Amino acid sequence: MSEEKLTHIAASGEAHMVDVSDKAETVRTATAEGVVRMKRTTLDIILAGDAKKGDVIGTARLAGIMAAKQTASLIPLCHPLMLTKVVVDITPDETLPGLRVEATAKLTGKTGVEMEALTAVSVACLTIYDMAKAVDKAMEIGTIRLLEKTGGKSGDFRHPEGR
């Protein structure tokens, strides 16, 4: 059994950017999710398109896509990537009540896109909060997690609790 270790920490303990120059280019995808819980009345306002700041879902989708493209500027030690696809889906979930955010990032490259998918979800959730906070400051952002990833030397991953 191989010993697990953190790839961004040197033996002496300092953080460093991983050298991926010798890695093979493969198609890589990652899908992440998160939720924004809110009052039922807040969800109704968003779905009716009555939020004072405008189209909450459309704006949050765009913010998530833009965030995925800026991940290397936001997260130290992330490689700048040439993403070939970013999809952000935002759907109402009556059981929360609130909105469920899912983002998928894709590229052909030497390093994974998990952080891009997670960043897209995080910023989309924050945008939802920002646009609806005037009517519901008690909203909660949560359950941000990687659902799955494909490609690369470490192979595929699916969250053990599923979707």
Protein backbone atom coordinates (compact mmCIF):
# COMPACT_ATOMS: atom_id res chain seq x y z
CA MET A 1 0.00 0.00 0.00
CA SER A 2 1.43 3.36 -1.01
CA GLU A 3 1.61 6.14 1.53
CA GLU A 4 -0.72 9.08 0.77
CA LYS A 5 0.88 12.51 0.81
CA LEU A 6 -0.02 16.08 0.00
CA THR A 7 1.26 17.00 -3.46
CA HIS A 8 1.67 20.73 -2.79
CA ILE A 9 3.83 20.34 0.33
CA ALA A 10 7.58 19.67 0.04
CA ALA A 11 9.35 17.27 2.40
CA SER A 12 10.60 20.29 4.36
CA GLY A 13 7.04 21.58 4.78
CA GLU A 14 6.85 24.56 2.45
CA ALA A 15 4.11 24.92 -0.13
CA HIS A 16 5.01 24.71 -3.83
CA MET A 17 3.36 24.42 -7.23
CA VAL A 18 3.41 20.86 -8.55
CA ASP A 19 5.45 20.30 -11.72
CA VAL A 20 3.08 18.68 -14.23
CA SER A 21 5.39 18.93 -17.26
CA ASP A 22 5.99 15.16 -17.41
CA LYS A 23 2.33 14.20 -17.03
CA ALA A 24 0.37 12.89 -19.99
CA GLU A 25 -2.39 15.00 -21.48
CA THR A 26 -5.77 13.35 -21.00
CA VAL A 27 -9.39 14.43 -21.18
CA ARG A 28 -10.32 15.50 -17.68
CA THR A 29 -13.70 16.42 -16.25
CA ALA A 30 -14.97 17.31 -12.80
CA THR A 31 -18.45 17.92 -11.47
CA ALA A 32 -19.17 19.65 -8.15
CA GLU A 33 -22.33 20.72 -6.36
CA GLY A 34 -23.55 23.05 -3.66
CA VAL A 35 -26.83 24.34 -2.27
CA VAL A 36 -28.29 27.61 -1.08
CA ARG A 37 -31.03 27.11 1.50
CA MET A 38 -33.52 29.96 1.88
CA LYS A 39 -37.00 30.87 2.98
CA ARG A 40 -39.73 29.53 0.74
CA THR A 41 -40.79 33.12 0.00
CA THR A 42 -37.25 33.95 -1.16
CA LEU A 43 -37.24 31.01 -3.55
CA ASP A 44 -40.62 32.14 -4.89
CA ILE A 45 -39.26 35.67 -5.52
CA ILE A 46 -36.23 34.28 -7.37
CA LEU A 47 -38.27 31.89 -9.49
CA ALA A 48 -40.80 34.59 -10.36
CA GLY A 49 -37.98 36.86 -11.53
CA ASP A 50 -38.93 39.51 -8.98
CA ALA A 51 -35.54 40.02 -7.27
CA LYS A 52 -34.60 43.73 -7.21
CA LYS A 53 -31.11 43.00 -8.59
CA GLY A 54 -32.49 41.11 -11.59
CA ASP A 55 -32.16 37.56 -12.91
CA VAL A 56 -30.62 35.71 -9.95
CA ILE A 57 -30.22 32.34 -11.64
CA GLY A 58 -28.84 33.69 -14.92
CA THR A 59 -26.41 35.99 -13.17
CA ALA A 60 -25.22 33.24 -10.81
CA ARG A 61 -24.70 30.87 -13.75
CA LEU A 62 -22.55 33.45 -15.53
CA ALA A 63 -20.63 34.24 -12.32
CA GLY A 64 -19.87 30.53 -11.87
CA ILE A 65 -18.54 30.19 -15.41
CA MET A 66 -16.40 33.30 -15.02
CA ALA A 67 -15.08 32.05 -11.67
CA ALA A 68 -14.03 28.69 -13.11
CA LYS A 69 -11.93 30.56 -15.66
CA GLN A 70 -10.26 32.59 -12.86
CA THR A 71 -9.47 29.73 -10.46
CA ALA A 72 -5.69 30.05 -10.78
CA SER A 73 -5.99 33.74 -9.79
CA LEU A 74 -8.05 32.87 -6.71
CA ILE A 75 -6.54 29.65 -5.33
CA PRO A 76 -2.79 29.65 -4.62
CA LEU A 77 -0.78 26.96 -6.44
CA CYS A 78 -3.51 26.11 -8.97
CA HIS A 79 -2.26 25.93 -12.54
CA PRO A 80 -3.83 28.28 -15.09
CA LEU A 81 -5.87 26.02 -17.37
CA MET A 82 -7.30 26.26 -20.87
CA LEU A 83 -10.80 25.05 -20.09
CA THR A 84 -12.73 23.73 -23.06
CA LYS A 85 -16.11 23.59 -21.33
CA VAL A 86 -17.79 24.91 -18.19
CA VAL A 87 -21.46 24.24 -17.49
CA VAL A 88 -23.30 25.62 -14.46
CA ASP A 89 -26.81 24.33 -13.80
CA ILE A 90 -28.99 25.90 -11.10
CA THR A 91 -32.23 24.15 -10.23
CA PRO A 92 -34.90 24.77 -7.60
CA ASP A 93 -35.12 22.18 -4.84
CA GLU A 94 -38.39 22.41 -2.95
CA THR A 95 -37.09 20.06 -0.23
CA LEU A 96 -34.41 22.54 0.91
CA PRO A 97 -36.14 24.95 0.08
CA GLY A 98 -33.60 26.65 -2.13
CA LEU A 99 -31.40 26.26 -5.15
CA ARG A 100 -29.08 23.41 -6.07
CA VAL A 101 -25.98 24.41 -8.05
CA GLU A 102 -23.99 21.92 -10.14
CA ALA A 103 -20.93 22.77 -12.24
CA THR A 104 -18.89 20.68 -14.66
CA ALA A 105 -15.49 21.71 -16.01
CA LYS A 106 -13.61 19.97 -18.82
CA LEU A 107 -10.30 20.14 -20.66
CA THR A 108 -7.62 18.08 -22.31
CA GLY A 109 -4.52 18.66 -20.23
CA LYS A 110 -1.95 17.61 -17.66
CA THR A 111 -3.83 18.47 -14.49
CA GLY A 112 -7.36 18.06 -13.19
CA VAL A 113 -10.24 20.50 -13.12
CA GLU A 114 -11.69 19.72 -9.68
CA MET A 115 -10.83 23.16 -8.31
CA GLU A 116 -12.42 24.87 -11.31
CA ALA A 117 -15.71 23.00 -10.79
CA LEU A 118 -15.64 23.70 -7.03
CA THR A 119 -14.83 27.38 -7.60
CA ALA A 120 -17.68 27.70 -10.10
CA VAL A 121 -20.14 26.24 -7.58
CA SER A 122 -18.84 28.39 -4.72
CA VAL A 123 -19.05 31.67 -6.62
CA ALA A 124 -22.46 30.83 -8.11
CA CYS A 125 -23.76 30.18 -4.58
CA LEU A 126 -22.23 33.42 -3.31
CA THR A 127 -23.84 35.30 -6.19
CA ILE A 128 -27.25 33.85 -5.34
CA TYR A 129 -26.75 35.03 -1.76
CA ASP A 130 -25.65 38.49 -2.87
CA MET A 131 -28.58 38.98 -5.22
CA ALA A 132 -31.23 37.81 -2.73
CA LYS A 133 -29.81 39.01 0.60
CA ALA A 134 -32.09 42.04 0.61
CA VAL A 135 -35.04 39.74 1.31
CA ASP A 136 -33.30 36.90 3.20
CA LYS A 137 -30.04 37.45 5.08
CA ALA A 138 -30.49 34.07 6.80
CA MET A 139 -29.79 32.07 3.63
CA GLU A 140 -27.25 29.26 4.08
CA ILE A 141 -24.66 28.07 1.60
CA GLY A 142 -23.60 24.49 2.08
CA THR A 143 -22.77 20.98 0.97
CA ILE A 144 -20.16 22.14 -1.52
CA ARG A 145 -18.42 18.98 -2.67
CA LEU A 146 -16.83 17.18 -5.59
CA LEU A 147 -19.31 14.70 -7.07
CA GLU A 148 -17.03 13.09 -9.63
CA LYS A 149 -13.92 13.47 -11.69
CA THR A 150 -12.50 11.60 -14.67
CA GLY A 151 -9.10 11.37 -16.31
CA GLY A 152 -5.54 11.59 -15.14
CA LYS A 153 -3.16 9.19 -13.47
CA SER A 154 -5.28 8.83 -10.32
CA GLY A 155 -8.25 7.65 -12.39
CA ASP A 156 -11.92 8.26 -11.90
CA PHE A 157 -13.66 9.27 -8.66
CA ARG A 158 -17.31 9.28 -7.66
CA HIS A 159 -18.45 10.66 -4.33
CA PRO A 160 -19.37 7.69 -2.12
CA GLU A 161 -22.72 9.28 -1.19
CA GLY A 162 -23.62 9.86 -4.84
CA ARG A 163 -25.69 12.73 -6.08
